[in-house]
C-alpha cells in the first residue's frame, strides 16, 4: 500500500479498488529460446515495469519450461492504466512476435492480502537479481 508520505508499507488487501494487487503472467518457452527470453526480460520488460507508475515490485522467475512475471501494483487504477499504455501494448507485441514463447499465456490478478516492501530511501540500486 502506498502511504500518504510516499513510502511503501504494510497493506491488508480486502478486494477494494484501492487495495494493492498482485498480477502474474505465465508462459511457455520454446526449446532454445531461453537466452532470447532472458535478454528480452532484462533489456525490455524490466525497464518497462520499473518506469510504470504504480508498479511497486516485479519478480521474474522461471523453471525449465515455464516463465513467470509477478508484479505488485498500488491499486486497480494504476494496473488498468499500465495495461492500456502504448508501451505495454508494444512490448506485448514484441515478445509475442519474438518466436521464443510457446503454449498459452495466462494472466491472474488478485488482491494482495499482505504487502511489505522495504523503503530504499528513494535511491536507485541499479542492479537486478
C-alpha atoms as a PDB file:
ATOM      1  CA  UNK A   1       0.000   0.000   0.000  1.00  0.00           C
ATOM      2  CA  UNK A   2       1.355   3.392  -0.897  1.00  0.00           C
ATOM      3  CA  UNK A   3       1.305   5.576   2.177  1.00  0.00           C
ATOM      4  CA  UNK A   4       0.420   9.281   2.126  1.00  0.00           C
ATOM      5  CA  UNK A   5       4.051  10.217   2.627  1.00  0.00           C
ATOM      6  CA  UNK A   6       5.061   8.253  -0.471  1.00  0.00           C
ATOM      7  CA  UNK A   7       6.626   5.308   1.351  1.00  0.00           C
ATOM      8  CA  UNK A   8       5.565   1.738   0.769  1.00  0.00           C
ATOM      9  CA  UNK A   9       4.341  -0.043   3.851  1.00  0.00           C
ATOM     10  CA  UNK A  10       2.069  -2.760   5.119  1.00  0.00           C
ATOM     11  CA  UNK A  11      -1.311  -3.142   3.465  1.00  0.00           C
ATOM     12  CA  UNK A  12      -4.127  -5.523   4.223  1.00  0.00           C
ATOM     13  CA  UNK A  13      -5.999  -6.169   0.970  1.00  0.00           C
ATOM     14  CA  UNK A  14      -9.698  -6.823   1.157  1.00  0.00           C
ATOM     15  CA  UNK A  15     -10.532  -6.615  -2.548  1.00  0.00           C
ATOM     16  CA  UNK A  16     -11.426  -2.899  -2.724  1.00  0.00           C
ATOM     17  CA  UNK A  17     -10.366  -0.984  -5.890  1.00  0.00           C
ATOM     18  CA  UNK A  18      -7.833   0.953  -3.810  1.00  0.00           C
ATOM     19  CA  UNK A  19      -6.123  -2.202  -2.489  1.00  0.00           C
ATOM     20  CA  UNK A  20      -2.772  -3.363  -3.841  1.00  0.00           C
ATOM     21  CA  UNK A  21      -2.907  -6.065  -6.494  1.00  0.00           C
ATOM     22  CA  UNK A  22      -0.659  -8.936  -7.500  1.00  0.00           C
ATOM     23  CA  UNK A  23      -0.536  -9.774 -11.215  1.00  0.00           C
ATOM     24  CA  UNK A  24       1.109 -12.954 -12.521  1.00  0.00           C
ATOM     25  CA  UNK A  25       1.785 -13.617 -16.188  1.00  0.00           C
ATOM     26  CA  UNK A  26       2.944 -17.099 -17.155  1.00  0.00           C
ATOM     27  CA  UNK A  27       4.018 -18.553 -20.488  1.00  0.00           C
ATOM     28  CA  UNK A  28       5.843 -21.471 -22.007  1.00  0.00           C
ATOM     29  CA  UNK A  29       9.123 -21.118 -23.866  1.00  0.00           C
ATOM     30  CA  UNK A  30      10.364 -22.925 -26.951  1.00  0.00           C
ATOM     31  CA  UNK A  31      13.399 -25.180 -26.801  1.00  0.00           C
ATOM     32  CA  UNK A  32      16.430 -22.996 -27.369  1.00  0.00           C
ATOM     33  CA  UNK A  33      14.574 -19.771 -26.568  1.00  0.00           C
ATOM     34  CA  UNK A  34      15.977 -19.236 -23.091  1.00  0.00           C
ATOM     35  CA  UNK A  35      18.733 -16.761 -23.988  1.00  0.00           C
ATOM     36  CA  UNK A  36      16.408 -14.657 -26.165  1.00  0.00           C
ATOM     37  CA  UNK A  37      13.726 -14.601 -23.471  1.00  0.00           C
ATOM     38  CA  UNK A  38      16.178 -13.653 -20.718  1.00  0.00           C
ATOM     39  CA  UNK A  39      17.663 -10.859 -22.842  1.00  0.00           C
ATOM     40  CA  UNK A  40      14.181  -9.505 -23.594  1.00  0.00           C
ATOM     41  CA  UNK A  41      13.218  -9.727 -19.910  1.00  0.00           C
ATOM     42  CA  UNK A  42      16.303  -7.807 -18.752  1.00  0.00           C
ATOM     43  CA  UNK A  43      16.512  -5.227 -21.529  1.00  0.00           C
ATOM     44  CA  UNK A  44      12.846  -4.533 -22.296  1.00  0.00           C
ATOM     45  CA  UNK A  45      10.387  -5.907 -19.733  1.00  0.00           C
ATOM     46  CA  UNK A  46      12.255  -4.944 -16.574  1.00  0.00           C
ATOM     47  CA  UNK A  47      12.715  -1.350 -17.762  1.00  0.00           C
ATOM     48  CA  UNK A  48       9.029  -1.125 -18.680  1.00  0.00           C
ATOM     49  CA  UNK A  49       7.910  -2.240 -15.210  1.00  0.00           C
ATOM     50  CA  UNK A  50      10.446  -0.029 -13.434  1.00  0.00           C
ATOM     51  CA  UNK A  51       9.102   3.005 -15.302  1.00  0.00           C
ATOM     52  CA  UNK A  52       5.419   2.142 -14.825  1.00  0.00           C
ATOM     53  CA  UNK A  53       3.618   4.439 -12.354  1.00  0.00           C
ATOM     54  CA  UNK A  54       2.132   2.411  -9.525  1.00  0.00           C
ATOM     55  CA  UNK A  55       4.263  -0.703 -10.020  1.00  0.00           C
ATOM     56  CA  UNK A  56       5.749  -1.451  -6.617  1.00  0.00           C
ATOM     57  CA  UNK A  57       7.671  -4.612  -7.433  1.00  0.00           C
ATOM     58  CA  UNK A  58       8.477  -7.040 -10.222  1.00  0.00           C
ATOM     59  CA  UNK A  59       9.793 -10.575  -9.827  1.00  0.00           C
ATOM     60  CA  UNK A  60      10.729 -12.623 -12.882  1.00  0.00           C
ATOM     61  CA  UNK A  61      11.211 -16.313 -12.321  1.00  0.00           C
ATOM     62  CA  UNK A  62      11.306 -19.468 -14.332  1.00  0.00           C
ATOM     63  CA  UNK A  63      11.542 -23.212 -14.414  1.00  0.00           C
ATOM     64  CA  UNK A  64      12.855 -25.343 -17.268  1.00  0.00           C
ATOM     65  CA  UNK A  65       9.739 -24.924 -19.427  1.00  0.00           C
ATOM     66  CA  UNK A  66       7.730 -22.044 -17.896  1.00  0.00           C
ATOM     67  CA  UNK A  67       8.406 -18.343 -17.399  1.00  0.00           C
ATOM     68  CA  UNK A  68       6.516 -16.082 -14.988  1.00  0.00           C
ATOM     69  CA  UNK A  69       6.465 -12.402 -14.157  1.00  0.00           C
ATOM     70  CA  UNK A  70       4.826 -11.325 -10.904  1.00  0.00           C
ATOM     71  CA  UNK A  71       4.172  -7.653 -10.280  1.00  0.00           C
ATOM     72  CA  UNK A  72       2.687  -5.772  -7.333  1.00  0.00           C
ATOM     73  CA  UNK A  73       0.559  -2.695  -8.063  1.00  0.00           C
ATOM     74  CA  UNK A  74      -0.573   0.173  -5.869  1.00  0.00           C
ATOM     75  CA  UNK A  75      -4.201  -0.238  -6.952  1.00  0.00           C
ATOM     76  CA  UNK A  76      -6.540  -1.220  -9.808  1.00  0.00           C
ATOM     77  CA  UNK A  77      -6.391   2.246 -11.387  1.00  0.00           C
ATOM     78  CA  UNK A  78      -2.623   2.044 -11.893  1.00  0.00           C
ATOM     79  CA  UNK A  79      -2.740  -1.528 -13.198  1.00  0.00           C
ATOM     80  CA  UNK A  80      -5.524  -0.695 -15.666  1.00  0.00           C
ATOM     81  CA  UNK A  81      -3.616   2.369 -16.911  1.00  0.00           C
ATOM     82  CA  UNK A  82      -0.500   0.245 -17.387  1.00  0.00           C
ATOM     83  CA  UNK A  83      -2.368  -2.415 -19.388  1.00  0.00           C
ATOM     84  CA  UNK A  84      -3.802   0.319 -21.670  1.00  0.00           C
ATOM     85  CA  UNK A  85      -0.464   2.084 -22.151  1.00  0.00           C
ATOM     86  CA  UNK A  86       1.146   2.090 -25.588  1.00  0.00           C
ATOM     87  CA  UNK A  87       4.437   0.923 -24.077  1.00  0.00           C
ATOM     88  CA  UNK A  88       2.806  -2.200 -22.617  1.00  0.00           C
ATOM     89  CA  UNK A  89       0.837  -2.936 -25.805  1.00  0.00           C
ATOM     90  CA  UNK A  90       4.001  -2.527 -27.898  1.00  0.00           C
ATOM     91  CA  UNK A  91       6.014  -4.733 -25.523  1.00  0.00           C
ATOM     92  CA  UNK A  92       3.381  -7.484 -25.653  1.00  0.00           C
ATOM     93  CA  UNK A  93       3.514  -7.363 -29.456  1.00  0.00           C
ATOM     94  CA  UNK A  94       7.324  -7.544 -29.437  1.00  0.00           C
ATOM     95  CA  UNK A  95       7.531 -10.519 -27.096  1.00  0.00           C
ATOM     96  CA  UNK A  96       4.712 -12.366 -28.873  1.00  0.00           C
ATOM     97  CA  UNK A  97       6.392 -11.892 -32.254  1.00  0.00           C
ATOM     98  CA  UNK A  98       9.855 -12.851 -30.957  1.00  0.00           C
ATOM     99  CA  UNK A  99       9.366 -16.551 -31.666  1.00  0.00           C
ATOM    100  CA  UNK A 100      10.576 -17.776 -28.280  1.00  0.00           C
ATOM    101  CA  UNK A 101       7.243 -18.162 -26.432  1.00  0.00           C
ATOM    102  CA  UNK A 102       5.157 -21.312 -26.660  1.00  0.00           C
ATOM    103  CA  UNK A 103       1.801 -22.518 -25.467  1.00  0.00           C
ATOM    104  CA  UNK A 104      -0.879 -20.497 -23.802  1.00  0.00           C
ATOM    105  CA  UNK A 105      -0.111 -17.407 -21.763  1.00  0.00           C
ATOM    106  CA  UNK A 106      -2.121 -16.787 -18.617  1.00  0.00           C
ATOM    107  CA  UNK A 107      -2.663 -13.674 -16.522  1.00  0.00           C
ATOM    108  CA  UNK A 108      -4.008 -13.844 -12.980  1.00  0.00           C
ATOM    109  CA  UNK A 109      -4.770 -10.678 -10.992  1.00  0.00           C
ATOM    110  CA  UNK A 110      -5.705 -10.968  -7.343  1.00  0.00           C
ATOM    111  CA  UNK A 111      -5.897  -8.600  -4.394  1.00  0.00           C
ATOM    112  CA  UNK A 112      -2.831  -8.700  -2.195  1.00  0.00           C
ATOM    113  CA  UNK A 113      -3.539  -9.895   1.309  1.00  0.00           C
ATOM    114  CA  UNK A 114      -0.374  -8.509   2.864  1.00  0.00           C
ATOM    115  CA  UNK A 115       2.332  -6.392   1.248  1.00  0.00           C
ATOM    116  CA  UNK A 116       5.532  -5.074   2.744  1.00  0.00           C
ATOM    117  CA  UNK A 117       8.334  -3.580   0.666  1.00  0.00           C
ATOM    118  CA  UNK A 118      11.452  -2.109   2.157  1.00  0.00           C
ATOM    119  CA  UNK A 119      11.917   1.623   1.755  1.00  0.00           C
ATOM    120  CA  UNK A 120      15.135   2.151  -0.169  1.00  0.00           C
ATOM    121  CA  UNK A 121      15.181   5.877   0.606  1.00  0.00           C
ATOM    122  CA  UNK A 122      14.292   6.720  -2.977  1.00  0.00           C
ATOM    123  CA  UNK A 123      17.707   5.644  -4.227  1.00  0.00           C
ATOM    124  CA  UNK A 124      18.051   3.540  -7.330  1.00  0.00           C
ATOM    125  CA  UNK A 125      20.001   0.346  -6.693  1.00  0.00           C
ATOM    126  CA  UNK A 126      20.998  -0.073 -10.320  1.00  0.00           C
ATOM    127  CA  UNK A 127      21.043  -3.846 -10.139  1.00  0.00           C
ATOM    128  CA  UNK A 128      18.565  -6.648 -10.712  1.00  0.00           C
ATOM    129  CA  UNK A 129      18.804 -10.050  -9.114  1.00  0.00           C
END
